[in-house]
Amino acid sequence: MSTFAARGEITLSVNGSEMRVPANLTAAGLIEHMALTGKRVALERNGEILPKSRFPEQTLEHGDQLEIVVAVGGG
């Protein structure tokens, strides 16, 4: 067991940067953790687009590769 797992943390790659987060975090929890709640967000997990409807139930796992894109409006 890794030191992070022993402390109840996992390591993710988010947009190419390593991030330690609490174990058992959901995709919705990650969005909240990153202060992106309420924004239009697209999330790719390990090469697959994750539908927003699955954010609350999708638990993230140690080593997941995530890409997060936030839509920016303007004109």
PDB file of N, CA and C in Angstrom:
ATOM      1  N   MET A   1       0.857  -1.181   0.000  1.00  0.00           N
ATOM      2  CA  MET A   1       0.000   0.000   0.000  1.00  0.00           C
ATOM      3  C   MET A   1       0.899   1.239   0.000  1.00  0.00           C
ATOM      4  N   SER A   2       0.557   2.216  -0.845  1.00  0.00           N
ATOM      5  CA  SER A   2       1.362   3.427  -0.907  1.00  0.00           C
ATOM      6  C   SER A   2       1.117   4.289   0.336  1.00  0.00           C
ATOM      7  N   THR A   3       2.034   5.196   0.576  1.00  0.00           N
ATOM      8  CA  THR A   3       1.901   6.105   1.716  1.00  0.00           C
ATOM      9  C   THR A   3       0.631   6.931   1.604  1.00  0.00           C
ATOM     10  N   PHE A   4       0.322   7.391   0.374  1.00  0.00           N
ATOM     11  CA  PHE A   4      -0.879   8.209   0.178  1.00  0.00           C
ATOM     12  C   PHE A   4      -2.135   7.412   0.479  1.00  0.00           C
ATOM     13  N   ALA A   5      -2.170   6.159   0.012  1.00  0.00           N
ATOM     14  CA  ALA A   5      -3.340   5.318   0.265  1.00  0.00           C
ATOM     15  C   ALA A   5      -3.509   5.088   1.758  1.00  0.00           C
ATOM     16  N   ALA A   6      -2.402   4.923   2.462  1.00  0.00           N
ATOM     17  CA  ALA A   6      -2.467   4.728   3.906  1.00  0.00           C
ATOM     18  C   ALA A   6      -3.058   5.949   4.602  1.00  0.00           C
ATOM     19  N   ARG A   7      -2.877   7.137   4.021  1.00  0.00           N
ATOM     20  CA  ARG A   7      -3.436   8.364   4.598  1.00  0.00           C
ATOM     21  C   ARG A   7      -4.823   8.669   4.048  1.00  0.00           C
ATOM     22  N   GLY A   8      -5.374   7.757   3.236  1.00  0.00           N
ATOM     23  CA  GLY A   8      -6.691   7.986   2.672  1.00  0.00           C
ATOM     24  C   GLY A   8      -6.667   8.929   1.482  1.00  0.00           C
ATOM     25  N   GLU A   9      -5.543   8.944   0.754  1.00  0.00           N
ATOM     26  CA  GLU A   9      -5.424   9.788  -0.431  1.00  0.00           C
ATOM     27  C   GLU A   9      -5.068   8.926  -1.641  1.00  0.00           C
ATOM     28  N   ILE A  10      -5.422   9.439  -2.815  1.00  0.00           N
ATOM     29  CA  ILE A  10      -4.997   8.837  -4.063  1.00  0.00           C
ATOM     30  C   ILE A  10      -4.349   9.919  -4.917  1.00  0.00           C
ATOM     31  N   THR A  11      -3.605   9.493  -5.912  1.00  0.00           N
ATOM     32  CA  THR A  11      -2.970  10.432  -6.824  1.00  0.00           C
ATOM     33  C   THR A  11      -3.615  10.285  -8.197  1.00  0.00           C
ATOM     34  N   LEU A  12      -3.994  11.412  -8.773  1.00  0.00           N
ATOM     35  CA  LEU A  12      -4.579  11.476 -10.108  1.00  0.00           C
ATOM     36  C   LEU A  12      -3.699  12.343 -10.983  1.00  0.00           C
ATOM     37  N   SER A  13      -3.831  12.178 -12.287  1.00  0.00           N
ATOM     38  CA  SER A  13      -3.241  13.122 -13.231  1.00  0.00           C
ATOM     39  C   SER A  13      -4.399  13.954 -13.766  1.00  0.00           C
ATOM     40  N   VAL A  14      -4.358  15.253 -13.511  1.00  0.00           N
ATOM     41  CA  VAL A  14      -5.423  16.156 -13.955  1.00  0.00           C
ATOM     42  C   VAL A  14      -4.799  17.174 -14.902  1.00  0.00           C
ATOM     43  N   ASN A  15      -5.195  17.098 -16.166  1.00  0.00           N
ATOM     44  CA  ASN A  15      -4.652  17.963 -17.212  1.00  0.00           C
ATOM     45  C   ASN A  15      -3.121  17.937 -17.208  1.00  0.00           C
ATOM     46  N   GLY A  16      -2.575  16.739 -16.992  1.00  0.00           N
ATOM     47  CA  GLY A  16      -1.137  16.545 -17.053  1.00  0.00           C
ATOM     48  C   GLY A  16      -0.377  16.842 -15.776  1.00  0.00           C
ATOM     49  N   SER A  17      -1.073  17.290 -14.731  1.00  0.00           N
ATOM     50  CA  SER A  17      -0.418  17.587 -13.455  1.00  0.00           C
ATOM     51  C   SER A  17      -0.882  16.604 -12.386  1.00  0.00           C
ATOM     52  N   GLU A  18       0.049  16.164 -11.558  1.00  0.00           N
ATOM     53  CA  GLU A  18      -0.286  15.250 -10.486  1.00  0.00           C
ATOM     54  C   GLU A  18      -1.058  15.987  -9.394  1.00  0.00           C
ATOM     55  N   MET A  19      -2.110  15.323  -8.899  1.00  0.00           N
ATOM     56  CA  MET A  19      -2.933  15.920  -7.849  1.00  0.00           C
ATOM     57  C   MET A  19      -3.279  14.837  -6.843  1.00  0.00           C
ATOM     58  N   ARG A  20      -3.071  15.125  -5.570  1.00  0.00           N
ATOM     59  CA  ARG A  20      -3.490  14.214  -4.506  1.00  0.00           C
ATOM     60  C   ARG A  20      -4.845  14.662  -3.993  1.00  0.00           C
ATOM     61  N   VAL A  21      -5.741  13.692  -3.873  1.00  0.00           N
ATOM     62  CA  VAL A  21      -7.105  13.978  -3.427  1.00  0.00           C
ATOM     63  C   VAL A  21      -7.531  12.895  -2.437  1.00  0.00           C
ATOM     64  N   PRO A  22      -8.590  13.143  -1.679  1.00  0.00           N
ATOM     65  CA  PRO A  22      -9.076  12.113  -0.762  1.00  0.00           C
ATOM     66  C   PRO A  22      -9.510  10.857  -1.527  1.00  0.00           C
ATOM     67  N   ALA A  23      -9.243   9.688  -0.953  1.00  0.00           N
ATOM     68  CA  ALA A  23      -9.720   8.433  -1.535  1.00  0.00           C
ATOM     69  C   ALA A  23     -11.247   8.445  -1.544  1.00  0.00           C
ATOM     70  N   ASN A  24     -11.834   7.681  -2.439  1.00  0.00           N
ATOM     71  CA  ASN A  24     -13.295   7.564  -2.597  1.00  0.00           C
ATOM     72  C   ASN A  24     -13.948   8.846  -3.092  1.00  0.00           C
ATOM     73  N   LEU A  25     -13.165   9.737  -3.679  1.00  0.00           N
ATOM     74  CA  LEU A  25     -13.710  10.970  -4.246  1.00  0.00           C
ATOM     75  C   LEU A  25     -14.432  10.641  -5.550  1.00  0.00           C
ATOM     76  N   THR A  26     -15.594  11.228  -5.749  1.00  0.00           N
ATOM     77  CA  THR A  26     -16.318  11.060  -7.005  1.00  0.00           C
ATOM     78  C   THR A  26     -15.908  12.164  -7.978  1.00  0.00           C
ATOM     79  N   ALA A  27     -16.301  12.000  -9.227  1.00  0.00           N
ATOM     80  CA  ALA A  27     -16.032  13.038 -10.217  1.00  0.00           C
ATOM     81  C   ALA A  27     -16.698  14.349  -9.780  1.00  0.00           C
ATOM     82  N   ALA A  28     -17.922  14.271  -9.249  1.00  0.00           N
ATOM     83  CA  ALA A  28     -18.604  15.478  -8.759  1.00  0.00           C
ATOM     84  C   ALA A  28     -17.823  16.095  -7.607  1.00  0.00           C
ATOM     85  N   GLY A  29     -17.282  15.259  -6.734  1.00  0.00           N
ATOM     86  CA  GLY A  29     -16.478  15.753  -5.622  1.00  0.00           C
ATOM     87  C   GLY A  29     -15.213  16.443  -6.104  1.00  0.00           C
ATOM     88  N   LEU A  30     -14.606  15.909  -7.168  1.00  0.00           N
ATOM     89  CA  LEU A  30     -13.412  16.543  -7.724  1.00  0.00           C
ATOM     90  C   LEU A  30     -13.749  17.908  -8.302  1.00  0.00           C
ATOM     91  N   ILE A  31     -14.868  18.006  -9.003  1.00  0.00           N
ATOM     92  CA  ILE A  31     -15.302  19.286  -9.571  1.00  0.00           C
ATOM     93  C   ILE A  31     -15.484  20.308  -8.441  1.00  0.00           C
ATOM     94  N   GLU A  32     -16.088  19.875  -7.349  1.00  0.00           N
ATOM     95  CA  GLU A  32     -16.271  20.764  -6.187  1.00  0.00           C
ATOM     96  C   GLU A  32     -14.913  21.108  -5.570  1.00  0.00           C
ATOM     97  N   HIS A  33     -14.053  20.111  -5.413  1.00  0.00           N
ATOM     98  CA  HIS A  33     -12.717  20.299  -4.833  1.00  0.00           C
ATOM     99  C   HIS A  33     -11.909  21.330  -5.631  1.00  0.00           C
ATOM    100  N   MET A  34     -12.128  21.360  -6.948  1.00  0.00           N
ATOM    101  CA  MET A  34     -11.399  22.283  -7.824  1.00  0.00           C
ATOM    102  C   MET A  34     -12.134  23.622  -8.004  1.00  0.00           C
ATOM    103  N   ALA A  35     -13.198  23.838  -7.243  1.00  0.00           N
ATOM    104  CA  ALA A  35     -13.990  25.077  -7.291  1.00  0.00           C
ATOM    105  C   ALA A  35     -14.566  25.334  -8.683  1.00  0.00           C
ATOM    106  N   LEU A  36     -15.052  24.254  -9.322  1.00  0.00           N
ATOM    107  CA  LEU A  36     -15.643  24.379 -10.652  1.00  0.00           C
ATOM    108  C   LEU A  36     -17.149  24.126 -10.638  1.00  0.00           C
ATOM    109  N   THR A  37     -17.728  24.003  -9.459  1.00  0.00           N
ATOM    110  CA  THR A  37     -19.164  23.760  -9.336  1.00  0.00           C
ATOM    111  C   THR A  37     -19.937  24.892 -10.014  1.00  0.00           C
ATOM    112  N   GLY A  38     -20.946  24.514 -10.811  1.00  0.00           N
ATOM    113  CA  GLY A  38     -21.781  25.501 -11.492  1.00  0.00           C
ATOM    114  C   GLY A  38     -21.242  25.917 -12.853  1.00  0.00           C
ATOM    115  N   LYS A  39     -20.032  25.506 -13.186  1.00  0.00           N
ATOM    116  CA  LYS A  39     -19.456  25.842 -14.496  1.00  0.00           C
ATOM    117  C   LYS A  39     -19.747  24.715 -15.472  1.00  0.00           C
ATOM    118  N   ARG A  40     -19.701  25.037 -16.751  1.00  0.00           N
ATOM    119  CA  ARG A  40     -19.885  24.023 -17.783  1.00  0.00           C
ATOM    120  C   ARG A  40     -18.560  23.290 -17.959  1.00  0.00           C
ATOM    121  N   VAL A  41     -18.567  22.024 -17.530  1.00  0.00           N
ATOM    122  CA  VAL A  41     -17.339  21.241 -17.476  1.00  0.00           C
ATOM    123  C   VAL A  41     -17.502  19.960 -18.282  1.00  0.00           C
ATOM    124  N   ALA A  42     -16.465  19.604 -19.035  1.00  0.00           N
ATOM    125  CA  ALA A  42     -16.383  18.299 -19.683  1.00  0.00           C
ATOM    126  C   ALA A  42     -15.228  17.561 -19.020  1.00  0.00           C
ATOM    127  N   LEU A  43     -15.441  16.267 -18.738  1.00  0.00           N
ATOM    128  CA  LEU A  43     -14.427  15.479 -18.058  1.00  0.00           C
ATOM    129  C   LEU A  43     -14.159  14.197 -18.835  1.00  0.00           C
ATOM    130  N   GLU A  44     -12.895  13.969 -19.120  1.00  0.00           N
ATOM    131  CA  GLU A  44     -12.471  12.727 -19.755  1.00  0.00           C
ATOM    132  C   GLU A  44     -11.690  11.937 -18.717  1.00  0.00           C
ATOM    133  N   ARG A  45     -12.058  10.676 -18.552  1.00  0.00           N
ATOM    134  CA  ARG A  45     -11.387   9.795 -17.581  1.00  0.00           C
ATOM    135  C   ARG A  45     -10.784   8.615 -18.325  1.00  0.00           C
ATOM    136  N   ASN A  46      -9.478   8.516 -18.277  1.00  0.00           N
ATOM    137  CA  ASN A  46      -8.760   7.418 -18.923  1.00  0.00           C
ATOM    138  C   ASN A  46      -9.153   7.250 -20.392  1.00  0.00           C
ATOM    139  N   GLY A  47      -9.261   8.382 -21.089  1.00  0.00           N
ATOM    140  CA  GLY A  47      -9.518   8.369 -22.527  1.00  0.00           C
ATOM    141  C   GLY A  47     -10.972   8.305 -22.933  1.00  0.00           C
ATOM    142  N   GLU A  48     -11.888   8.277 -21.964  1.00  0.00           N
ATOM    143  CA  GLU A  48     -13.315   8.207 -22.281  1.00  0.00           C
ATOM    144  C   GLU A  48     -14.049   9.386 -21.655  1.00  0.00           C
ATOM    145  N   ILE A  49     -14.913  10.019 -22.455  1.00  0.00           N
ATOM    146  CA  ILE A  49     -15.732  11.117 -21.939  1.00  0.00           C
ATOM    147  C   ILE A  49     -16.694  10.562 -20.900  1.00  0.00           C
ATOM    148  N   LEU A  50     -16.758  11.217 -19.759  1.00  0.00           N
ATOM    149  CA  LEU A  50     -17.665  10.813 -18.694  1.00  0.00           C
ATOM    150  C   LEU A  50     -18.897  11.709 -18.755  1.00  0.00           C
ATOM    151  N   PRO A  51     -20.075  11.125 -19.004  1.00  0.00           N
ATOM    152  CA  PRO A  51     -21.288  11.946 -19.035  1.00  0.00           C
ATOM    153  C   PRO A  51     -21.515  12.639 -17.695  1.00  0.00           C
ATOM    154  N   LYS A  52     -21.957  13.873 -17.753  1.00  0.00           N
ATOM    155  CA  LYS A  52     -22.182  14.660 -16.530  1.00  0.00           C
ATOM    156  C   LYS A  52     -23.157  13.954 -15.587  1.00  0.00           C
ATOM    157  N   SER A  53     -24.088  13.202 -16.129  1.00  0.00           N
ATOM    158  CA  SER A  53     -25.052  12.488 -15.294  1.00  0.00           C
ATOM    159  C   SER A  53     -24.381  11.431 -14.416  1.00  0.00           C
ATOM    160  N   ARG A  54     -23.168  11.009 -14.770  1.00  0.00           N
ATOM    161  CA  ARG A  54     -22.446  10.002 -13.989  1.00  0.00           C
ATOM    162  C   ARG A  54     -21.452  10.605 -12.996  1.00  0.00           C
ATOM    163  N   PHE A  55     -21.254  11.929 -13.018  1.00  0.00           N
ATOM    164  CA  PHE A  55     -20.300  12.570 -12.101  1.00  0.00           C
ATOM    165  C   PHE A  55     -20.559  12.182 -10.634  1.00  0.00           C
ATOM    166  N   PRO A  56     -21.822  12.206 -10.157  1.00  0.00           N
ATOM    167  CA  PRO A  56     -22.053  11.923  -8.736  1.00  0.00           C
ATOM    168  C   PRO A  56     -21.718  10.482  -8.326  1.00  0.00           C
ATOM    169  N   GLU A  57     -21.796   9.536  -9.244  1.00  0.00           N
ATOM    170  CA  GLU A  57     -21.593   8.128  -8.893  1.00  0.00           C
ATOM    171  C   GLU A  57     -20.215   7.591  -9.274  1.00  0.00           C
ATOM    172  N   GLN A  58     -19.492   8.290 -10.147  1.00  0.00           N
ATOM    173  CA  GLN A  58     -18.211   7.779 -10.635  1.00  0.00           C
ATOM    174  C   GLN A  58     -17.098   8.039  -9.631  1.00  0.00           C
ATOM    175  N   THR A  59     -16.679   6.984  -8.930  1.00  0.00           N
ATOM    176  CA  THR A  59     -15.570   7.095  -7.988  1.00  0.00           C
ATOM    177  C   THR A  59     -14.267   7.105  -8.773  1.00  0.00           C
ATOM    178  N   LEU A  60     -13.364   7.985  -8.388  1.00  0.00           N
ATOM    179  CA  LEU A  60     -12.064   8.071  -9.040  1.00  0.00           C
ATOM    180  C   LEU A  60     -11.101   7.103  -8.360  1.00  0.00           C
ATOM    181  N   GLU A  61     -10.144   6.597  -9.153  1.00  0.00           N
ATOM    182  CA  GLU A  61      -9.211   5.608  -8.639  1.00  0.00           C
ATOM    183  C   GLU A  61      -7.784   6.100  -8.778  1.00  0.00           C
ATOM    184  N   HIS A  62      -6.923   5.614  -7.885  1.00  0.00           N
ATOM    185  CA  HIS A  62      -5.506   5.967  -7.923  1.00  0.00           C
ATOM    186  C   HIS A  62      -4.963   5.732  -9.334  1.00  0.00           C
ATOM    187  N   GLY A  63      -4.285   6.738  -9.860  1.00  0.00           N
ATOM    188  CA  GLY A  63      -3.668   6.625 -11.180  1.00  0.00           C
ATOM    189  C   GLY A  63      -4.553   7.044 -12.343  1.00  0.00           C
ATOM    190  N   ASP A  64      -5.808   7.397 -12.080  1.00  0.00           N
ATOM    191  CA  ASP A  64      -6.678   7.851 -13.178  1.00  0.00           C
ATOM    192  C   ASP A  64      -6.034   9.032 -13.899  1.00  0.00           C
ATOM    193  N   GLN A  65      -6.209   9.038 -15.216  1.00  0.00           N
ATOM    194  CA  GLN A  65      -5.752  10.136 -16.061  1.00  0.00           C
ATOM    195  C   GLN A  65      -6.992  10.946 -16.445  1.00  0.00           C
ATOM    196  N   LEU A  66      -7.064  12.182 -15.983  1.00  0.00           N
ATOM    197  CA  LEU A  66      -8.239  13.025 -16.227  1.00  0.00           C
ATOM    198  C   LEU A  66      -7.870  14.247 -17.041  1.00  0.00           C
ATOM    199  N   GLU A  67      -8.757  14.616 -17.928  1.00  0.00           N
ATOM    200  CA  GLU A  67      -8.670  15.880 -18.644  1.00  0.00           C
ATOM    201  C   GLU A  67      -9.962  16.613 -18.357  1.00  0.00           C
ATOM    202  N   ILE A  68      -9.852  17.845 -17.897  1.00  0.00           N
ATOM    203  CA  ILE A  68     -11.029  18.651 -17.574  1.00  0.00           C
ATOM    204  C   ILE A  68     -10.974  19.912 -18.415  1.00  0.00           C
ATOM    205  N   VAL A  69     -12.086  20.167 -19.102  1.00  0.00           N
ATOM    206  CA  VAL A  69     -12.212  21.366 -19.935  1.00  0.00           C
ATOM    207  C   VAL A  69     -13.381  22.172 -19.414  1.00  0.00           C
ATOM    208  N   VAL A  70     -13.150  23.453 -19.191  1.00  0.00           N
ATOM    209  CA  VAL A  70     -14.207  24.358 -18.726  1.00  0.00           C
ATOM    210  C   VAL A  70     -14.580  25.284 -19.878  1.00  0.00           C
ATOM    211  N   ALA A  71     -15.875  25.271 -20.221  1.00  0.00           N
ATOM    212  CA  ALA A  71     -16.360  26.140 -21.289  1.00  0.00           C
ATOM    213  C   ALA A  71     -16.332  27.592 -20.832  1.00  0.00           C
ATOM    214  N   VAL A  72     -15.837  28.455 -21.694  1.00  0.00           N
ATOM    215  CA  VAL A  72     -15.762  29.883 -21.403  1.00  0.00           C
ATOM    216  C   VAL A  72     -16.667  30.604 -22.394  1.00  0.00           C
ATOM    217  N   GLY A  73     -17.608  31.367 -21.871  1.00  0.00           N
ATOM    218  CA  GLY A  73     -18.504  32.130 -22.732  1.00  0.00           C
ATOM    219  C   GLY A  73     -17.946  33.519 -22.991  1.00  0.00           C
ATOM    220  N   GLY A  74     -18.505  34.135 -23.937  1.00  0.00           N
ATOM    221  CA  GLY A  74     -18.077  35.500 -24.241  1.00  0.00           C
ATOM    222  C   GLY A  74     -18.453  35.843 -25.664  1.00  0.00           C
ATOM    223  N   GLY A  75     -18.204  37.060 -25.984  1.00  0.00           N
ATOM    224  CA  GLY A  75     -18.608  37.428 -27.339  1.00  0.00           C
ATOM    225  C   GLY A  75     -17.822  38.548 -27.891  1.00  0.00           C
TER     226      GLY A  75
END
